Amino acid sequence: MPDKVLIYSRFPKAQLTRFGERYELLNAAGKTEMFSAGELADVRAMITAGGTPLGGEAMDLLPTLGAIVCYGTGYEGIDLAAAAKRGIAVGHSPGANAASVADIAVMLMLAAVRRLPVADSYIRSGDWAGRKPSPMMRPQAGMRGRKVGVYGMGEIGRKIAARVAAFETEVGYFSRSKHDVPYHYLPSLEALADWCSVLVVAVRAGAETNHAVNADILRRLGSDGFVVNISRGSVIDEKALVAALTDQAIAGAGLDVFAKEPHAPDALTALPNVVLSPHLGGHTLESHVAMQDCVLANLEAFFAGKPLPYEIRGS
């Protein structure tokens, strides 16, 4: 009999196919109550999305649970202390989607700075053909010579920095520690925001980064500044961002993540100086294969009685 694995979060069925070939899946799709206590009694492993809240109370519904495996790099929704207290290993997929997420960061940056949505609308409306003037189509500063700040220098941050450098920019960064990378290190997020005109948020979500990009950081970017977020919506104070964009305290934003997904507030969607995408940074075929490879490696090791190869350490 194949080992049982609980699918805790809601996933598209296509993303679960490879797991179903090796394990008996109990697909809760976000509703664990659909299974009886007896059905959950012998479930030793679960797969979840890292952003889905998962505390000790939910863990206790599975008395033999020994491994929580996150599909993706994030794990901010997991109560790591509760898992450690119960002897539950937690794994994820570090770096598996880094290249794809870095690509979307650059796409959002260029689209925001060069006002691509506005230009697209200008053509579709017939205003270009009609030679109708538009203040939004005035020449803007491009990328050459810009200072781009990367907040977070993990796997994704490094790939973003490497891509951005190709646009003849200066690249700086701030992270918890200084790294051996060929970019200018700034000692604080405030210093980074003062220094750059494009701030790319690539830091891991958590209590210490919640609303780290606040009204003060946005003010420091200045009226020609842009912010790009491919991390998590919680890192930016969304109300402060709306205010900064509305008041033109900053020039624009490119956002792949939001505070309450899958909902982007109307105040953001109504603004012409924002480029939006529906959290599709890691949503490429190769990224999903790589993330699934990590999930399978974690599960296979766990059921073989070995340490998870991609285990998250610490609480």
Protein backbone atom coordinates (compact mmCIF):
# COMPACT_ATOMS: atom_id res chain seq x y z
CA MET A 1 0.00 0.00 0.00
CA PRO A 2 1.36 3.46 -0.88
CA ASP A 3 1.94 5.89 1.96
CA LYS A 4 -0.79 8.44 2.62
CA VAL A 5 -0.09 12.15 2.08
CA LEU A 6 -2.55 14.89 2.98
CA ILE A 7 -2.86 17.77 0.51
CA TYR A 8 -3.58 20.57 2.97
CA SER A 9 -3.85 23.63 0.71
CA ARG A 10 -5.82 24.10 -2.48
CA PHE A 11 -3.75 23.20 -5.56
CA PRO A 12 -4.65 22.76 -9.24
CA LYS A 13 -4.99 19.03 -9.93
CA ALA A 14 -2.28 19.16 -12.60
CA GLN A 15 0.27 20.13 -9.95
CA LEU A 16 -0.56 17.01 -7.92
CA THR A 17 -0.27 14.42 -10.69
CA ARG A 18 3.31 13.36 -9.96
CA PHE A 19 2.58 13.01 -6.24
CA GLY A 20 -0.47 10.87 -6.95
CA GLU A 21 1.66 8.46 -8.95
CA ARG A 22 3.67 7.57 -5.83
CA TYR A 23 1.39 8.21 -2.87
CA GLU A 24 -2.21 7.89 -1.79
CA LEU A 25 -3.38 11.49 -1.68
CA LEU A 26 -6.08 12.81 0.62
CA ASN A 27 -6.94 16.10 -1.03
CA ALA A 28 -8.43 18.38 1.62
CA ALA A 29 -8.23 21.39 -0.74
CA GLY A 30 -8.14 23.70 2.26
CA LYS A 31 -10.88 21.85 4.20
CA THR A 32 -9.38 19.25 6.52
CA GLU A 33 -12.82 18.70 8.11
CA MET A 34 -13.90 16.75 5.03
CA PHE A 35 -11.93 13.79 6.41
CA SER A 36 -12.75 11.86 9.56
CA ALA A 37 -10.38 11.43 12.46
CA GLY A 38 -9.96 7.81 11.43
CA GLU A 39 -8.94 8.75 7.89
CA LEU A 40 -6.34 11.20 9.23
CA ALA A 41 -5.02 8.94 11.98
CA ASP A 42 -2.30 7.29 9.89
CA VAL A 43 -1.32 10.27 7.70
CA ARG A 44 2.35 10.87 8.37
CA ALA A 45 3.09 13.62 5.83
CA MET A 46 1.34 16.58 4.27
CA ILE A 47 1.92 18.94 1.37
CA THR A 48 0.95 22.57 1.81
CA ALA A 49 1.48 26.01 0.31
CA GLY A 50 3.90 27.99 2.45
CA GLY A 51 1.56 30.95 2.77
CA THR A 52 -1.35 28.90 4.09
CA PRO A 53 -1.70 29.33 7.87
CA LEU A 54 -0.82 26.08 9.63
CA GLY A 55 -0.61 26.11 13.42
CA GLY A 56 -0.34 23.54 16.16
CA GLU A 57 -4.09 23.00 16.37
CA ALA A 58 -4.21 21.86 12.74
CA MET A 59 -1.13 19.68 13.24
CA ASP A 60 -2.84 17.93 16.15
CA LEU A 61 -5.58 16.70 13.81
CA LEU A 62 -2.96 14.31 12.42
CA PRO A 63 -1.58 12.42 15.44
CA THR A 64 1.13 10.59 13.46
CA LEU A 65 2.23 13.58 11.37
CA GLY A 66 5.99 13.67 10.98
CA ALA A 67 6.62 15.89 7.94
CA ILE A 68 5.17 19.09 6.52
CA VAL A 69 6.39 19.73 2.98
CA CYS A 70 5.85 23.14 1.39
CA TYR A 71 5.30 23.33 -2.35
CA GLY A 72 7.51 26.32 -3.12
CA THR A 73 10.20 28.25 -1.32
CA GLY A 74 7.99 30.13 1.17
CA TYR A 75 6.98 28.81 4.59
CA GLU A 76 5.75 31.91 6.43
CA GLY A 77 2.38 30.33 7.19
CA ILE A 78 3.89 27.43 9.12
CA ASP A 79 4.24 27.70 12.90
CA LEU A 80 7.77 26.32 13.00
CA ALA A 81 7.91 26.39 16.79
CA ALA A 82 4.74 24.30 17.01
CA ALA A 83 6.13 21.84 14.48
CA ALA A 84 9.43 21.53 16.34
CA LYS A 85 7.60 21.00 19.64
CA ARG A 86 5.75 18.08 18.06
CA GLY A 87 8.84 16.63 16.39
CA ILE A 88 7.55 17.43 12.91
CA ALA A 89 10.12 18.15 10.20
CA VAL A 90 9.31 21.00 7.80
CA GLY A 91 10.68 21.11 4.26
CA HIS A 92 10.38 23.40 1.27
CA SER A 93 11.71 23.92 -2.28
CA PRO A 94 14.55 26.46 -1.94
CA GLY A 95 15.59 28.19 -5.16
CA ALA A 96 13.42 25.98 -7.35
CA ASN A 97 11.56 28.89 -8.91
CA ALA A 98 14.23 31.58 -8.45
CA ALA A 99 14.94 32.14 -12.14
CA SER A 100 11.28 32.48 -13.05
CA VAL A 101 10.58 34.86 -10.16
CA ALA A 102 13.61 36.97 -11.11
CA ASP A 103 12.30 37.17 -14.67
CA ILE A 104 8.92 38.48 -13.52
CA ALA A 105 10.63 41.06 -11.31
CA VAL A 106 12.50 42.44 -14.30
CA MET A 107 9.35 42.35 -16.42
CA LEU A 108 7.40 44.35 -13.83
CA MET A 109 10.26 46.79 -13.38
CA LEU A 110 10.54 47.54 -17.09
CA ALA A 111 6.77 47.68 -17.59
CA ALA A 112 6.40 50.14 -14.69
CA VAL A 113 9.36 52.36 -15.55
CA ARG A 114 8.53 52.49 -19.28
CA ARG A 115 4.75 52.70 -18.60
CA LEU A 116 3.90 49.73 -20.80
CA PRO A 117 0.24 49.37 -19.71
CA VAL A 118 -0.34 53.06 -20.44
CA ALA A 119 1.31 52.72 -23.85
CA ASP A 120 -0.75 49.61 -24.61
CA SER A 121 -3.96 51.43 -23.69
CA TYR A 122 -2.89 54.43 -25.76
CA ILE A 123 -2.80 52.28 -28.88
CA ARG A 124 -5.94 50.24 -28.15
CA SER A 125 -8.00 53.38 -27.48
CA GLY A 126 -7.15 54.85 -30.86
CA ASP A 127 -5.53 57.90 -29.26
CA TRP A 128 -2.17 57.18 -30.92
CA ALA A 129 -3.73 56.86 -34.37
CA GLY A 130 -5.73 60.01 -33.67
CA ARG A 131 -2.57 61.82 -32.54
CA LYS A 132 -4.30 62.70 -29.29
CA PRO A 133 -1.77 64.04 -26.77
CA SER A 134 -1.41 62.23 -23.45
CA PRO A 135 0.51 63.54 -20.42
CA MET A 136 1.25 59.92 -19.47
CA MET A 137 3.15 59.48 -22.74
CA ARG A 138 5.72 62.19 -22.06
CA PRO A 139 9.35 60.97 -22.15
CA GLN A 140 10.46 59.36 -18.90
CA ALA A 141 13.84 58.44 -17.51
CA GLY A 142 14.83 54.97 -18.69
CA MET A 143 16.95 52.31 -17.04
CA ARG A 144 20.46 53.35 -18.03
CA GLY A 145 22.23 54.89 -15.06
CA ARG A 146 19.43 54.14 -12.59
CA LYS A 147 20.23 52.89 -9.13
CA VAL A 148 18.32 49.69 -8.43
CA GLY A 149 18.09 48.48 -4.85
CA VAL A 150 17.37 44.83 -4.07
CA TYR A 151 15.91 44.16 -0.64
CA GLY A 152 17.02 40.59 0.15
CA MET A 153 20.02 38.83 -1.36
CA GLY A 154 18.95 35.21 -1.32
CA GLU A 155 18.77 33.01 -4.40
CA ILE A 156 16.05 35.13 -5.99
CA GLY A 157 17.68 38.44 -5.05
CA ARG A 158 20.97 37.38 -6.62
CA LYS A 159 19.29 36.42 -9.88
CA ILE A 160 17.37 39.70 -9.94
CA ALA A 161 20.57 41.67 -9.36
CA ALA A 162 22.38 39.85 -12.15
CA ARG A 163 19.54 40.50 -14.59
CA VAL A 164 19.12 44.14 -13.60
CA ALA A 165 22.86 44.85 -13.97
CA ALA A 166 22.55 44.02 -17.68
CA PHE A 167 20.44 47.16 -18.15
CA GLU A 168 23.44 49.42 -17.42
CA THR A 169 22.23 50.17 -13.91
CA GLU A 170 23.99 50.47 -10.57
CA VAL A 171 22.87 47.70 -8.23
CA GLY A 172 22.81 47.94 -4.46
CA TYR A 173 21.24 45.73 -1.80
CA PHE A 174 20.34 45.35 1.82
CA SER A 175 19.93 42.02 3.61
CA ARG A 176 20.45 40.70 7.12
CA SER A 177 24.10 40.07 6.31
CA LYS A 178 26.65 41.21 3.76
CA HIS A 179 27.33 38.76 0.94
CA ASP A 180 30.24 38.13 -1.38
CA VAL A 181 28.52 39.66 -4.41
CA PRO A 182 29.66 42.43 -6.79
CA TYR A 183 26.97 44.88 -5.66
CA HIS A 184 26.95 47.88 -3.35
CA TYR A 185 25.90 46.95 0.18
CA LEU A 186 23.74 49.41 2.14
CA PRO A 187 23.56 49.04 5.95
CA SER A 188 19.78 49.42 6.27
CA LEU A 189 16.56 49.39 4.28
CA GLU A 190 16.28 53.14 4.91
CA ALA A 191 19.73 53.71 3.43
CA LEU A 192 18.86 51.53 0.44
CA ALA A 193 15.66 53.49 -0.22
CA ASP A 194 17.56 56.78 0.04
CA TRP A 195 20.15 55.50 -2.43
CA CYS A 196 17.99 53.90 -5.14
CA SER A 197 15.19 54.96 -7.48
CA VAL A 198 13.89 51.41 -8.04
CA LEU A 199 13.38 49.20 -4.98
CA VAL A 200 12.86 45.50 -5.70
CA VAL A 201 11.47 43.54 -2.77
CA ALA A 202 12.90 40.02 -2.70
CA VAL A 203 13.10 39.37 1.03
CA ARG A 204 11.51 36.38 2.75
CA ALA A 205 8.17 37.10 4.41
CA GLY A 206 7.89 36.85 8.17
CA ALA A 207 7.15 38.80 11.32
CA GLU A 208 10.41 40.76 11.04
CA THR A 209 9.63 41.92 7.48
CA ASN A 210 5.91 42.59 7.89
CA HIS A 211 5.22 46.11 6.50
CA ALA A 212 8.97 46.72 6.33
CA VAL A 213 8.31 48.84 3.24
CA ASN A 214 6.17 51.49 4.89
CA ALA A 215 5.26 55.12 4.25
CA ASP A 216 8.72 56.29 5.32
CA ILE A 217 10.55 53.91 2.97
CA LEU A 218 8.28 54.93 0.08
CA ARG A 219 8.86 58.61 0.84
CA ARG A 220 12.60 58.01 0.73
CA LEU A 221 12.31 56.59 -2.80
CA GLY A 222 11.06 59.95 -4.00
CA SER A 223 8.74 61.14 -6.74
CA ASP A 224 10.79 59.45 -9.47
CA GLY A 225 10.99 56.18 -7.54
CA PHE A 226 9.42 52.80 -8.24
CA VAL A 227 8.80 49.77 -6.06
CA VAL A 228 8.56 46.20 -7.37
CA ASN A 229 7.33 43.36 -5.15
CA ILE A 230 7.71 39.68 -6.02
CA SER A 231 8.10 38.57 -2.38
CA ARG A 232 4.87 38.57 -0.39
CA GLY A 233 2.20 41.22 -0.06
CA SER A 234 2.79 41.45 3.69
CA VAL A 235 6.21 43.07 3.22
CA ILE A 236 4.66 46.30 1.90
CA ASP A 237 2.13 48.39 3.81
CA GLU A 238 -0.50 48.32 1.07
CA LYS A 239 -2.44 51.33 2.38
CA ALA A 240 0.75 53.38 2.46
CA LEU A 241 1.56 52.23 -1.06
CA VAL A 242 -1.85 53.28 -2.39
CA ALA A 243 -1.42 56.67 -0.75
CA ALA A 244 2.08 57.14 -2.18
CA LEU A 245 0.92 56.21 -5.69
CA THR A 246 -2.22 58.34 -5.49
CA ASP A 247 -0.32 61.38 -4.22
CA GLN A 248 2.52 60.71 -6.69
CA ALA A 249 4.96 60.55 -3.80
CA ILE A 250 6.46 57.75 -5.93
CA ALA A 251 6.25 57.35 -9.69
CA GLY A 252 4.90 53.82 -9.92
CA ALA A 253 4.90 50.19 -8.83
CA GLY A 254 5.02 46.68 -10.23
CA LEU A 255 3.27 44.08 -8.07
CA ASP A 256 3.01 40.30 -8.38
CA VAL A 257 1.81 39.82 -4.79
CA PHE A 258 -0.82 41.43 -2.59
CA ALA A 259 -1.84 41.63 1.05
CA LYS A 260 -4.96 39.48 0.64
CA GLU A 261 -4.75 37.16 -2.32
CA PRO A 262 -6.43 36.56 -4.69
CA HIS A 263 -7.83 40.07 -4.21
CA ALA A 264 -6.09 43.26 -5.30
CA PRO A 265 -7.77 46.31 -3.77
CA ASP A 266 -9.79 48.52 -6.11
CA ALA A 267 -7.66 51.46 -5.05
CA LEU A 268 -4.67 49.76 -6.71
CA THR A 269 -6.39 48.45 -9.83
CA ALA A 270 -7.79 51.92 -10.58
CA LEU A 271 -4.34 53.55 -10.73
CA PRO A 272 -2.61 54.00 -14.11
CA ASN A 273 0.90 53.99 -12.62
CA VAL A 274 0.75 50.40 -11.34
CA VAL A 275 1.53 47.17 -13.21
CA LEU A 276 -0.18 44.11 -11.75
CA SER A 277 0.22 40.36 -12.19
CA PRO A 278 -1.60 37.54 -10.32
CA HIS A 279 1.25 35.99 -8.29
CA LEU A 280 2.65 34.21 -11.32
CA GLY A 281 6.34 34.76 -10.59
CA GLY A 282 7.12 31.07 -10.17
CA HIS A 283 4.35 29.88 -12.46
CA THR A 284 6.35 28.37 -15.30
CA LEU A 285 6.55 24.76 -16.41
CA GLU A 286 10.20 24.40 -15.44
CA SER A 287 9.61 25.97 -12.02
CA HIS A 288 6.77 23.59 -11.21
CA VAL A 289 8.88 20.61 -12.22
CA ALA A 290 11.73 21.83 -10.01
CA MET A 291 9.41 22.48 -7.04
CA GLN A 292 7.80 19.07 -7.46
CA ASP A 293 11.26 17.49 -7.56
CA CYS A 294 12.02 19.07 -4.17
CA VAL A 295 8.67 17.97 -2.70
CA LEU A 296 9.23 14.39 -3.89
CA ALA A 297 12.79 14.35 -2.58
CA ASN A 298 11.57 15.51 0.84
CA LEU A 299 8.77 12.93 0.93
CA GLU A 300 10.95 10.07 -0.27
CA ALA A 301 13.59 10.82 2.36
CA PHE A 302 11.00 11.09 5.13
CA PHE A 303 9.28 7.81 4.33
CA ALA A 304 12.71 6.15 4.08
CA GLY A 305 13.52 7.34 7.61
CA LYS A 306 16.11 9.85 6.44
CA PRO A 307 16.45 13.61 7.12
CA LEU A 308 14.64 15.89 4.69
CA PRO A 309 17.17 17.17 2.10
CA TYR A 310 15.46 20.57 2.05
CA GLU A 311 14.54 20.89 5.70
CA ILE A 312 13.87 24.27 7.28
CA ARG A 313 15.94 24.66 10.42
CA GLY A 314 15.05 26.80 13.42
CA SER A 315 11.83 28.34 14.67
